[in-house]
C-alpha atoms as a PDB file:
ATOM      1  CA  MET A   1     102.143 162.468 123.062  1.00  0.00           C
ATOM      2  CA  MET A   2     101.498 165.483 120.827  1.00  0.00           C
ATOM      3  CA  HIS A   3     101.957 166.045 117.088  1.00  0.00           C
ATOM      4  CA  LYS A   4     101.832 169.284 115.096  1.00  0.00           C
ATOM      5  CA  PHE A   5      98.947 169.460 112.726  1.00  0.00           C
ATOM      6  CA  SER A   6      97.652 172.198 110.322  1.00  0.00           C
ATOM      7  CA  ASN A   7      97.126 175.881 111.368  1.00  0.00           C
ATOM      8  CA  CYS A   8      94.747 177.694 113.731  1.00  0.00           C
ATOM      9  CA  ARG A   9      91.930 179.713 112.137  1.00  0.00           C
ATOM     10  CA  GLU A  10      92.208 182.505 114.757  1.00  0.00           C
ATOM     11  CA  CYS A  11      95.930 183.198 115.090  1.00  0.00           C
ATOM     12  CA  ARG A  12      97.323 181.082 112.242  1.00  0.00           C
ATOM     13  CA  ALA A  13      99.568 179.231 114.694  1.00  0.00           C
ATOM     14  CA  LEU A  14     100.256 175.548 114.448  1.00  0.00           C
ATOM     15  CA  LEU A  15      97.651 173.132 115.778  1.00  0.00           C
ATOM     16  CA  VAL A  16      98.791 170.308 118.003  1.00  0.00           C
ATOM     17  CA  ASP A  17      97.119 166.891 118.079  1.00  0.00           C
ATOM     18  CA  ASP A  18      97.018 165.641 121.670  1.00  0.00           C
ATOM     19  CA  TYR A  19      96.407 161.888 121.519  1.00  0.00           C
ATOM     20  CA  GLN A  20      95.996 161.527 125.275  1.00  0.00           C
ATOM     21  CA  SER A  21      93.039 163.910 125.498  1.00  0.00           C
ATOM     22  CA  GLY A  22      91.853 163.316 121.940  1.00  0.00           C
ATOM     23  CA  GLU A  23      91.758 167.035 121.132  1.00  0.00           C
ATOM     24  CA  LEU A  24      93.226 169.262 118.424  1.00  0.00           C
ATOM     25  CA  VAL A  25      94.421 172.456 120.181  1.00  0.00           C
ATOM     26  CA  CYS A  26      96.265 175.601 119.125  1.00  0.00           C
ATOM     27  CA  SER A  27      99.860 175.863 120.312  1.00  0.00           C
ATOM     28  CA  HIS A  28      99.579 179.678 120.773  1.00  0.00           C
ATOM     29  CA  CYS A  29      96.105 180.676 121.946  1.00  0.00           C
ATOM     30  CA  GLY A  30      95.013 177.289 123.291  1.00  0.00           C
ATOM     31  CA  ILE A  31      91.714 177.145 121.427  1.00  0.00           C
ATOM     32  CA  VAL A  32      90.295 173.668 120.903  1.00  0.00           C
ATOM     33  CA  ALA A  33      89.835 173.282 117.168  1.00  0.00           C
ATOM     34  CA  ARG A  34      88.339 169.795 117.297  1.00  0.00           C
ATOM     35  CA  GLU A  35      87.381 167.316 119.983  1.00  0.00           C
ATOM     36  CA  ALA A  36      87.972 163.555 119.767  1.00  0.00           C
ATOM     37  CA  PRO A  37      89.069 163.400 116.112  1.00  0.00           C
ATOM     38  CA  ALA A  38      88.744 160.071 114.364  1.00  0.00           C
ATOM     39  CA  ASP A  39      92.194 158.541 113.964  1.00  0.00           C
ATOM     40  CA  THR A  40      92.359 156.331 110.884  1.00  0.00           C
ATOM     41  CA  GLY A  41      96.151 156.135 110.667  1.00  0.00           C
ATOM     42  CA  PRO A  42      98.669 153.873 112.347  1.00  0.00           C
ATOM     43  CA  ALA A  43      99.004 153.686 116.103  1.00  0.00           C
ATOM     44  CA  PRO A  44     101.054 156.679 117.347  1.00  0.00           C
ATOM     45  CA  PHE A  45     102.822 154.763 120.107  1.00  0.00           C
ATOM     46  CA  SER A  46     104.602 151.450 120.327  1.00  0.00           C
ATOM     47  CA  LEU A  47     106.753 149.624 122.836  1.00  0.00           C
ATOM     48  CA  ASP A  48     109.268 148.359 120.269  1.00  0.00           C
ATOM     49  CA  GLY A  49     109.532 151.466 118.086  1.00  0.00           C
ATOM     50  CA  THR A  50     107.441 150.092 115.206  1.00  0.00           C
ATOM     51  CA  ALA A  51     104.572 152.572 115.430  1.00  0.00           C
ATOM     52  CA  SER A  52     104.301 152.922 111.652  1.00  0.00           C
ATOM     53  CA  LYS A  53     103.532 149.198 111.319  1.00  0.00           C
ATOM     54  CA  ASN A  54     100.751 149.113 113.921  1.00  0.00           C
ATOM     55  CA  ILE A  55      97.960 149.685 111.437  1.00  0.00           C
ATOM     56  CA  ARG A  56      94.493 149.494 112.945  1.00  0.00           C
ATOM     57  CA  ALA A  57      93.045 146.667 110.929  1.00  0.00           C
ATOM     58  CA  SER A  58      91.621 143.237 111.475  1.00  0.00           C
ATOM     59  CA  GLY A  59      93.425 139.976 110.875  1.00  0.00           C
ATOM     60  CA  PRO A  60      93.920 138.499 107.417  1.00  0.00           C
ATOM     61  CA  ASN A  61      91.194 136.534 105.703  1.00  0.00           C
ATOM     62  CA  THR A  62      91.672 132.799 105.993  1.00  0.00           C
ATOM     63  CA  TYR A  63      89.893 129.765 104.584  1.00  0.00           C
ATOM     64  CA  ALA A  64      90.674 127.873 107.789  1.00  0.00           C
ATOM     65  CA  GLN A  65      87.825 129.609 109.614  1.00  0.00           C
ATOM     66  CA  HIS A  66      84.150 129.062 108.976  1.00  0.00           C
ATOM     67  CA  ASP A  67      83.421 132.773 108.422  1.00  0.00           C
ATOM     68  CA  MET A  68      86.682 133.413 106.506  1.00  0.00           C
ATOM     69  CA  GLY A  69      87.940 135.415 109.497  1.00  0.00           C
ATOM     70  CA  LEU A  70      85.529 138.306 108.880  1.00  0.00           C
ATOM     71  CA  ALA A  71      83.241 138.059 111.925  1.00  0.00           C
ATOM     72  CA  THR A  72      83.931 139.825 115.208  1.00  0.00           C
ATOM     73  CA  THR A  73      84.232 137.637 118.275  1.00  0.00           C
ATOM     74  CA  ILE A  74      83.304 138.772 121.777  1.00  0.00           C
ATOM     75  CA  GLY A  75      86.273 137.976 123.954  1.00  0.00           C
ATOM     76  CA  GLU A  76      86.138 136.393 127.379  1.00  0.00           C
ATOM     77  CA  GLY A  77      87.155 138.471 130.380  1.00  0.00           C
ATOM     78  CA  SER A  78      86.129 139.740 133.793  1.00  0.00           C
ATOM     79  CA  PHE A  79      87.252 143.365 133.382  1.00  0.00           C
ATOM     80  CA  ASP A  80      85.942 146.314 131.402  1.00  0.00           C
ATOM     81  CA  TYR A  81      87.892 148.753 129.211  1.00  0.00           C
ATOM     82  CA  ASN A  82      89.095 150.775 132.217  1.00  0.00           C
ATOM     83  CA  GLY A  83      90.326 147.688 134.051  1.00  0.00           C
ATOM     84  CA  LYS A  84      87.485 147.594 136.557  1.00  0.00           C
ATOM     85  CA  PRO A  85      86.071 144.166 137.434  1.00  0.00           C
ATOM     86  CA  LEU A  86      82.629 143.332 136.096  1.00  0.00           C
ATOM     87  CA  ASP A  87      79.913 142.307 138.491  1.00  0.00           C
ATOM     88  CA  ARG A  88      78.245 138.917 138.357  1.00  0.00           C
ATOM     89  CA  THR A  89      75.173 140.138 136.455  1.00  0.00           C
ATOM     90  CA  VAL A  90      77.185 141.704 133.639  1.00  0.00           C
ATOM     91  CA  ARG A  91      79.393 138.615 133.340  1.00  0.00           C
ATOM     92  CA  ALA A  92      76.311 136.419 133.006  1.00  0.00           C
ATOM     93  CA  GLN A  93      74.894 138.747 130.341  1.00  0.00           C
ATOM     94  CA  MET A  94      78.147 138.700 128.351  1.00  0.00           C
ATOM     95  CA  LYS A  95      78.269 134.913 128.565  1.00  0.00           C
ATOM     96  CA  GLY A  96      74.761 134.701 127.131  1.00  0.00           C
ATOM     97  CA  ILE A  97      75.649 137.161 124.363  1.00  0.00           C
ATOM     98  CA  ARG A  98      78.711 135.102 123.417  1.00  0.00           C
ATOM     99  CA  ARG A  99      76.600 131.953 123.324  1.00  0.00           C
ATOM    100  CA  TRP A 100      74.028 133.530 121.032  1.00  0.00           C
ATOM    101  CA  GLN A 101      76.724 135.007 118.825  1.00  0.00           C
ATOM    102  CA  GLN A 102      78.167 131.532 118.319  1.00  0.00           C
ATOM    103  CA  ARG A 103      74.715 130.183 117.493  1.00  0.00           C
ATOM    104  CA  VAL A 104      74.088 132.931 114.954  1.00  0.00           C
ATOM    105  CA  ARG A 105      77.473 132.418 113.274  1.00  0.00           C
ATOM    106  CA  VAL A 106      76.950 128.658 112.928  1.00  0.00           C
ATOM    107  CA  SER A 107      73.225 128.158 112.472  1.00  0.00           C
ATOM    108  CA  GLY A 108      72.536 125.174 110.189  1.00  0.00           C
ATOM    109  CA  ALA A 109      73.712 121.577 110.342  1.00  0.00           C
ATOM    110  CA  LYS A 110      75.931 122.035 107.286  1.00  0.00           C
ATOM    111  CA  ASP A 111      77.562 125.114 108.804  1.00  0.00           C
ATOM    112  CA  ARG A 112      78.223 123.264 112.045  1.00  0.00           C
ATOM    113  CA  ARG A 113      79.776 120.369 110.127  1.00  0.00           C
ATOM    114  CA  VAL A 114      82.031 122.721 108.158  1.00  0.00           C
ATOM    115  CA  SER A 115      83.060 124.595 111.301  1.00  0.00           C
ATOM    116  CA  ALA A 116      83.937 121.375 113.156  1.00  0.00           C
ATOM    117  CA  ALA A 117      85.888 120.020 110.175  1.00  0.00           C
ATOM    118  CA  LEU A 118      87.913 123.229 109.754  1.00  0.00           C
ATOM    119  CA  VAL A 119      88.773 123.205 113.455  1.00  0.00           C
ATOM    120  CA  SER A 120      89.903 119.575 113.105  1.00  0.00           C
ATOM    121  CA  ILE A 121      92.036 120.458 110.060  1.00  0.00           C
ATOM    122  CA  THR A 122      93.647 123.363 111.916  1.00  0.00           C
ATOM    123  CA  ASP A 123      94.449 121.216 114.964  1.00  0.00           C
ATOM    124  CA  ALA A 124      95.904 118.453 112.776  1.00  0.00           C
ATOM    125  CA  CYS A 125      98.120 120.883 110.837  1.00  0.00           C
ATOM    126  CA  ASN A 126      99.380 122.367 114.100  1.00  0.00           C
ATOM    127  CA  ALA A 127     100.139 118.896 115.468  1.00  0.00           C
ATOM    128  CA  LEU A 128     102.057 118.030 112.284  1.00  0.00           C
ATOM    129  CA  ASP A 129     103.945 121.384 112.268  1.00  0.00           C
ATOM    130  CA  LEU A 130     102.785 122.101 108.739  1.00  0.00           C
ATOM    131  CA  ARG A 131     103.154 125.463 107.073  1.00  0.00           C
ATOM    132  CA  LYS A 132     100.273 127.892 106.744  1.00  0.00           C
ATOM    133  CA  ASN A 133      99.990 127.360 102.990  1.00  0.00           C
ATOM    134  CA  VAL A 134      99.258 123.670 103.650  1.00  0.00           C
ATOM    135  CA  LEU A 135      96.520 124.640 106.113  1.00  0.00           C
ATOM    136  CA  GLU A 136      94.948 127.072 103.647  1.00  0.00           C
ATOM    137  CA  THR A 137      95.159 124.541 100.801  1.00  0.00           C
ATOM    138  CA  ALA A 138      93.575 121.815 102.933  1.00  0.00           C
ATOM    139  CA  SER A 139      90.754 124.173 103.949  1.00  0.00           C
ATOM    140  CA  ILE A 140      90.078 125.091 100.308  1.00  0.00           C
ATOM    141  CA  LEU A 141      90.063 121.416  99.326  1.00  0.00           C
ATOM    142  CA  TYR A 142      87.585 120.596 102.079  1.00  0.00           C
ATOM    143  CA  ARG A 143      85.256 123.422 101.032  1.00  0.00           C
ATOM    144  CA  ARG A 144      85.431 122.222  97.431  1.00  0.00           C
ATOM    145  CA  MET A 145      84.809 118.640  98.523  1.00  0.00           C
ATOM    146  CA  ASN A 146      81.877 119.712 100.711  1.00  0.00           C
ATOM    147  CA  ASN A 147      80.238 121.540  97.788  1.00  0.00           C
ATOM    148  CA  ARG A 148      80.504 118.593  95.390  1.00  0.00           C
ATOM    149  CA  MET A 149      79.923 115.666  97.746  1.00  0.00           C
ATOM    150  CA  ASP A 150      77.607 114.752 100.583  1.00  0.00           C
ATOM    151  CA  LEU A 151      79.815 114.382 103.660  1.00  0.00           C
ATOM    152  CA  ARG A 152      77.043 113.505 106.082  1.00  0.00           C
ATOM    153  CA  GLY A 153      77.868 110.388 108.088  1.00  0.00           C
ATOM    154  CA  LYS A 154      81.521 110.319 107.011  1.00  0.00           C
ATOM    155  CA  SER A 155      84.311 110.194 109.552  1.00  0.00           C
ATOM    156  CA  THR A 156      85.716 113.637 110.336  1.00  0.00           C
ATOM    157  CA  THR A 157      89.121 112.108 111.067  1.00  0.00           C
ATOM    158  CA  GLY A 158      89.226 110.306 107.715  1.00  0.00           C
ATOM    159  CA  VAL A 159      88.130 113.358 105.735  1.00  0.00           C
ATOM    160  CA  THR A 160      90.608 115.559 107.610  1.00  0.00           C
ATOM    161  CA  ALA A 161      93.503 113.196 106.889  1.00  0.00           C
ATOM    162  CA  ALA A 162      92.495 112.909 103.217  1.00  0.00           C
ATOM    163  CA  VAL A 163      92.392 116.661 102.550  1.00  0.00           C
ATOM    164  CA  ILE A 164      95.637 117.274 104.466  1.00  0.00           C
ATOM    165  CA  TYR A 165      97.348 114.488 102.508  1.00  0.00           C
ATOM    166  CA  MET A 166      96.255 116.005  99.200  1.00  0.00           C
ATOM    167  CA  ALA A 167      97.311 119.473 100.379  1.00  0.00           C
ATOM    168  CA  CYS A 168     100.757 118.128 101.295  1.00  0.00           C
ATOM    169  CA  LYS A 169     101.133 116.600  97.837  1.00  0.00           C
ATOM    170  CA  GLN A 170     100.153 119.878  96.168  1.00  0.00           C
ATOM    171  CA  CYS A 171     102.513 121.907  98.387  1.00  0.00           C
ATOM    172  CA  ASP A 172     105.481 119.497  97.982  1.00  0.00           C
ATOM    173  CA  VAL A 173     105.506 118.479 101.653  1.00  0.00           C
ATOM    174  CA  VAL A 174     106.535 114.897 102.436  1.00  0.00           C
ATOM    175  CA  ARG A 175     103.889 113.388 104.711  1.00  0.00           C
ATOM    176  CA  SER A 176     102.404 109.911 104.432  1.00  0.00           C
ATOM    177  CA  ILE A 177      98.725 109.356 105.068  1.00  0.00           C
ATOM    178  CA  SER A 178      99.504 106.970 107.945  1.00  0.00           C
ATOM    179  CA  GLU A 179     101.724 109.614 109.530  1.00  0.00           C
ATOM    180  CA  ILE A 180      98.899 112.151 109.336  1.00  0.00           C
ATOM    181  CA  VAL A 181      96.362 109.736 110.806  1.00  0.00           C
ATOM    182  CA  GLY A 182      98.786 108.766 113.579  1.00  0.00           C
ATOM    183  CA  ARG A 183      98.835 112.347 114.855  1.00  0.00           C
ATOM    184  CA  ILE A 184      95.076 112.892 114.996  1.00  0.00           C
ATOM    185  CA  CYS A 185      93.671 109.618 116.345  1.00  0.00           C
ATOM    186  CA  PRO A 186      94.521 107.050 119.065  1.00  0.00           C
ATOM    187  CA  PRO A 187      97.100 104.337 118.228  1.00  0.00           C
ATOM    188  CA  LYS A 188      94.469 101.587 118.276  1.00  0.00           C
ATOM    189  CA  GLU A 189      92.544 103.250 115.443  1.00  0.00           C
ATOM    190  CA  VAL A 190      95.467 104.162 113.165  1.00  0.00           C
ATOM    191  CA  ARG A 191      95.147 101.148 110.855  1.00  0.00           C
ATOM    192  CA  SER A 192      91.375 101.401 110.360  1.00  0.00           C
ATOM    193  CA  LYS A 193      91.405 105.188 110.026  1.00  0.00           C
ATOM    194  CA  THR A 194      94.270 104.997 107.517  1.00  0.00           C
ATOM    195  CA  ARG A 195      92.249 102.683 105.271  1.00  0.00           C
ATOM    196  CA  LEU A 196      89.246 104.978 105.635  1.00  0.00           C
ATOM    197  CA  ALA A 197      91.311 108.086 104.836  1.00  0.00           C
ATOM    198  CA  SER A 198      92.767 106.367 101.752  1.00  0.00           C
ATOM    199  CA  LYS A 199      89.235 105.551 100.612  1.00  0.00           C
ATOM    200  CA  TYR A 200      88.141 109.164 101.072  1.00  0.00           C
ATOM    201  CA  TYR A 201      91.244 110.371  99.230  1.00  0.00           C
ATOM    202  CA  ARG A 202      90.477 108.225  96.190  1.00  0.00           C
ATOM    203  CA  MET A 203      86.847 109.302  96.361  1.00  0.00           C
ATOM    204  CA  MET A 204      87.874 112.948  96.523  1.00  0.00           C
ATOM    205  CA  VAL A 205      90.127 112.604  93.486  1.00  0.00           C
ATOM    206  CA  MET A 206      87.351 110.981  91.442  1.00  0.00           C
ATOM    207  CA  GLU A 207      84.481 113.218  92.560  1.00  0.00           C
ATOM    208  CA  THR A 208      86.176 116.616  92.562  1.00  0.00           C
ATOM    209  CA  GLY A 209      88.255 115.990  89.459  1.00  0.00           C
ATOM    210  CA  SER A 210      91.463 117.009  91.211  1.00  0.00           C
ATOM    211  CA  PRO A 211      94.459 116.789  88.868  1.00  0.00           C
ATOM    212  CA  ARG A 212      96.837 113.951  89.559  1.00  0.00           C
ATOM    213  CA  SER A 213      99.869 115.392  91.292  1.00  0.00           C
ATOM    214  CA  MET A 214     103.389 114.532  90.245  1.00  0.00           C
ATOM    215  CA  PRO A 215     105.233 112.001  92.424  1.00  0.00           C
ATOM    216  CA  MET A 216     107.408 113.496  95.123  1.00  0.00           C
ATOM    217  CA  PRO A 217     111.125 113.447  94.251  1.00  0.00           C
ATOM    218  CA  MET A 218     113.229 110.908  96.108  1.00  0.00           C
ATOM    219  CA  THR A 219     115.514 113.661  97.418  1.00  0.00           C
ATOM    220  CA  LYS A 220     112.767 114.948  99.725  1.00  0.00           C
ATOM    221  CA  TYR A 221     112.233 111.504 101.255  1.00  0.00           C
ATOM    222  CA  ILE A 222     115.964 111.030 101.808  1.00  0.00           C
ATOM    223  CA  SER A 223     116.344 114.451 103.437  1.00  0.00           C
ATOM    224  CA  LYS A 224     113.333 113.849 105.671  1.00  0.00           C
ATOM    225  CA  ILE A 225     114.563 110.442 106.905  1.00  0.00           C
ATOM    226  CA  SER A 226     118.093 111.772 107.340  1.00  0.00           C
ATOM    227  CA  ASN A 227     116.877 114.615 109.550  1.00  0.00           C
ATOM    228  CA  ILE A 228     114.737 112.314 111.691  1.00  0.00           C
ATOM    229  CA  SER A 229     117.459 109.669 112.136  1.00  0.00           C
ATOM    230  CA  GLU A 230     120.211 112.315 112.551  1.00  0.00           C
ATOM    231  CA  THR A 231     122.354 110.767 109.828  1.00  0.00           C
ATOM    232  CA  ASP A 232     125.694 112.361 108.992  1.00  0.00           C
ATOM    233  CA  VAL A 233     125.610 115.026 106.286  1.00  0.00           C
ATOM    234  CA  ARG A 234     128.176 113.188 104.142  1.00  0.00           C
ATOM    235  CA  ALA A 235     126.046 110.055 104.181  1.00  0.00           C
ATOM    236  CA  GLU A 236     123.019 112.102 103.174  1.00  0.00           C
ATOM    237  CA  ARG A 237     124.919 113.647 100.251  1.00  0.00           C
ATOM    238  CA  LEU A 238     126.103 110.226  99.101  1.00  0.00           C
ATOM    239  CA  ALA A 239     122.556 108.858  99.383  1.00  0.00           C
ATOM    240  CA  LEU A 240     121.286 111.733  97.242  1.00  0.00           C
ATOM    241  CA  LEU A 241     124.008 111.008  94.678  1.00  0.00           C
ATOM    242  CA  LEU A 242     123.140 107.304  94.621  1.00  0.00           C
ATOM    243  CA  ALA A 243     119.465 108.104  94.154  1.00  0.00           C
ATOM    244  CA  ASP A 244     120.260 110.462  91.287  1.00  0.00           C
ATOM    245  CA  ARG A 245     122.442 107.885  89.495  1.00  0.00           C
ATOM    246  CA  THR A 246     120.338 104.755  90.030  1.00  0.00           C
ATOM    247  CA  GLN A 247     116.670 105.760  89.835  1.00  0.00           C
ATOM    248  CA  ASN A 248     114.550 103.990  87.236  1.00  0.00           C
ATOM    249  CA  GLU A 249     110.987 102.765  86.847  1.00  0.00           C
ATOM    250  CA  THR A 250     111.904  99.181  87.749  1.00  0.00           C
ATOM    251  CA  ILE A 251     113.071 100.128  91.236  1.00  0.00           C
ATOM    252  CA  LEU A 252     110.374 102.729  91.985  1.00  0.00           C
ATOM    253  CA  SER A 253     107.322 101.066  90.476  1.00  0.00           C
ATOM    254  CA  GLY A 254     104.866  99.779  93.091  1.00  0.00           C
ATOM    255  CA  ARG A 255     107.185 100.317  96.061  1.00  0.00           C
ATOM    256  CA  ASP A 256     106.976 102.576  99.063  1.00  0.00           C
ATOM    257  CA  PRO A 257     109.338 105.533  98.497  1.00  0.00           C
ATOM    258  CA  HIS A 258     110.139 105.608 102.221  1.00  0.00           C
ATOM    259  CA  GLY A 259     111.612 102.110 101.989  1.00  0.00           C
ATOM    260  CA  ILE A 260     113.717 103.028  98.950  1.00  0.00           C
ATOM    261  CA  ALA A 261     114.962 106.219 100.635  1.00  0.00           C
ATOM    262  CA  ALA A 262     115.888 104.226 103.751  1.00  0.00           C
ATOM    263  CA  ALA A 263     117.794 101.773 101.538  1.00  0.00           C
ATOM    264  CA  TYR A 264     119.799 104.584  99.921  1.00  0.00           C
ATOM    265  CA  LEU A 265     120.699 106.018 103.332  1.00  0.00           C
ATOM    266  CA  PHE A 266     121.709 102.619 104.696  1.00  0.00           C
ATOM    267  CA  MET A 267     123.844 101.929 101.611  1.00  0.00           C
ATOM    268  CA  ALA A 268     125.558 105.308 101.998  1.00  0.00           C
ATOM    269  CA  CYS A 269     126.318 104.609 105.665  1.00  0.00           C
ATOM    270  CA  ILE A 270     127.809 101.200 104.770  1.00  0.00           C
ATOM    271  CA  LEU A 271     129.971 102.637 101.974  1.00  0.00           C
ATOM    272  CA  LEU A 272     131.303 105.416 104.214  1.00  0.00           C
ATOM    273  CA  GLY A 273     131.833 103.120 107.194  1.00  0.00           C
ATOM    274  CA  HIS A 274     129.403 104.921 109.503  1.00  0.00           C
ATOM    275  CA  ASP A 275     127.909 103.058 112.429  1.00  0.00           C
ATOM    276  CA  ASN A 276     124.295 104.069 111.848  1.00  0.00           C
ATOM    277  CA  MET A 277     122.046 101.195 112.808  1.00  0.00           C
ATOM    278  CA  GLN A 278     119.631  99.903 110.224  1.00  0.00           C
ATOM    279  CA  ARG A 279     116.915  99.795 112.869  1.00  0.00           C
ATOM    280  CA  ASP A 280     117.139 103.562 113.464  1.00  0.00           C
ATOM    281  CA  ILE A 281     116.920 104.391 109.758  1.00  0.00           C
ATOM    282  CA  ALA A 282     114.040 101.982 109.183  1.00  0.00           C
ATOM    283  CA  GLU A 283     112.169 103.349 112.205  1.00  0.00           C
ATOM    284  CA  ALA A 284     112.628 106.924 110.974  1.00  0.00           C
ATOM    285  CA  ALA A 285     111.301 105.883 107.558  1.00  0.00           C
ATOM    286  CA  GLY A 286     108.316 104.051 109.017  1.00  0.00           C
ATOM    287  CA  VAL A 287     109.226 100.713 107.403  1.00  0.00           C
ATOM    288  CA  THR A 288     110.602  97.414 108.662  1.00  0.00           C
ATOM    289  CA  GLU A 289     114.249  96.407 108.515  1.00  0.00           C
ATOM    290  CA  VAL A 290     113.353  93.570 106.139  1.00  0.00           C
ATOM    291  CA  THR A 291     111.865  96.060 103.680  1.00  0.00           C
ATOM    292  CA  ALA A 292     114.993  98.235 103.784  1.00  0.00           C
ATOM    293  CA  ARG A 293     117.254  95.206 103.214  1.00  0.00           C
ATOM    294  CA  ASN A 294     115.136  93.974 100.303  1.00  0.00           C
ATOM    295  CA  ARG A 295     115.308  97.399  98.640  1.00  0.00           C
ATOM    296  CA  CYS A 296     119.103  97.383  99.092  1.00  0.00           C
ATOM    297  CA  LYS A 297     119.347  93.966  97.425  1.00  0.00           C
ATOM    298  CA  GLU A 298     117.235  95.145  94.491  1.00  0.00           C
ATOM    299  CA  ILE A 299     119.397  98.228  93.960  1.00  0.00           C
ATOM    300  CA  PHE A 300     122.638  96.237  94.211  1.00  0.00           C
ATOM    301  CA  ALA A 301     121.234  93.639  91.799  1.00  0.00           C
ATOM    302  CA  ALA A 302     120.343  96.283  89.221  1.00  0.00           C
ATOM    303  CA  TYR A 303     123.576  98.326  89.441  1.00  0.00           C
ATOM    304  CA  ASP A 304     127.263  97.757  90.116  1.00  0.00           C
ATOM    305  CA  ILE A 305     128.055 100.445  92.678  1.00  0.00           C
ATOM    306  CA  ALA A 306     131.679 101.399  93.274  1.00  0.00           C
ATOM    307  CA  LEU A 307     132.865 104.181  95.571  1.00  0.00           C
ATOM    308  CA  THR A 308     136.039 106.126  94.771  1.00  0.00           C
ATOM    309  CA  LEU A 309     137.524 108.076  97.679  1.00  0.00           C
ATOM    310  CA  LYS A 310     139.685 111.135  97.104  1.00  0.00           C
ATOM    311  CA  PRO A 311     142.936 111.197  99.125  1.00  0.00           C
ATOM    312  CA  THR A 312     143.083 113.952 101.718  1.00  0.00           C
ATOM    313  CA  ALA A 313     145.843 116.525 101.374  1.00  0.00           C
ATOM    314  CA  ARG A 314     148.363 116.647 104.226  1.00  0.00           C
END
C-alpha cells in the first residue's frame, strides 16, 4: 500500500510512502528520500475498513490491575515475529525472563497481596456479570481500604465480597452480599463467609469513613426479581405501581427489601389472575415462601387495595 507524501528535492515530484518496504520514494525519478520512517499515526490497513481507529497505543489505565495497566507483559508463544518456531533453548530463556518479570512487578508481600486481591475482585465481577464501572469502583475501594487498614491475615474472599458489595451500592446495582459470596466460594462456606464479609463491610465503613449510601429504590428490586422469575410485564408494572402507592417506613423498616419486592410481585400476580407460583418468585428473590406471605399480610393489613380494570374496546 502506497500513499503520496510531500515533494522530491531533486525533481519536485510527489514522494510516495511505501508501507510494505518502509521507504519514502520519488514517484518520478525513484530516489529513496528516507528509509524506514517512524510511523506515529494510525494503522494504514484494516480488515474491517476502520483504519483511522486503529491507533497504535496501549490499553486504557485501570485500577483493577496491580500496575494500573502500565507495565508491558511478555506474551507466551512458540513462534517469533516472522512466524518461525523457536528452538527449545530460546523458549526456556523466554520462560525464565517472564518469571523474573513477574517477580520484579510484584516484589514485596504487600504488592503480592494487592495483586492477588485485585485478581480475585476481577474474577468475582466477571462471575457476577457486573459492569466495568463496578469493577473499577471496587478496585479503588480496596486500594483505599488497604492504605488505611492492615489487611494481613484477613480472608481474601470476605474482603472481596465486602468491596464489591459497597461498589454495587455506590453504582446503583442490586446485589446482596450473600449473592456475591455465593458466586465466589463453595456452597458449604456461603453462610460463614457471608457473616465474615458483613463484618468486613461494617469495618470498612467505620475505618475508611465511607459515606453512607442511600437505600436502593424498591423498583430496582422488583425489576430484578421479575426478570429472574420471568414474570409477565403487566404484573411487573402493577407491582411497581403498588410499591409506589404503598411504601412507608413501617413496612420497609428492618425488613429485607427482597422479601417486600417478592410480596409486591406475588400480589400483582394474584390481582391479575396470573398463575405464577409463589415458590418461583420467592426463589428468585432469595427468600422463603413464608417470608413473602408475611410481607403480603403486612401490606394488606396497612392498606385497602382495590383494583379497577378498564373494559377493552371491541
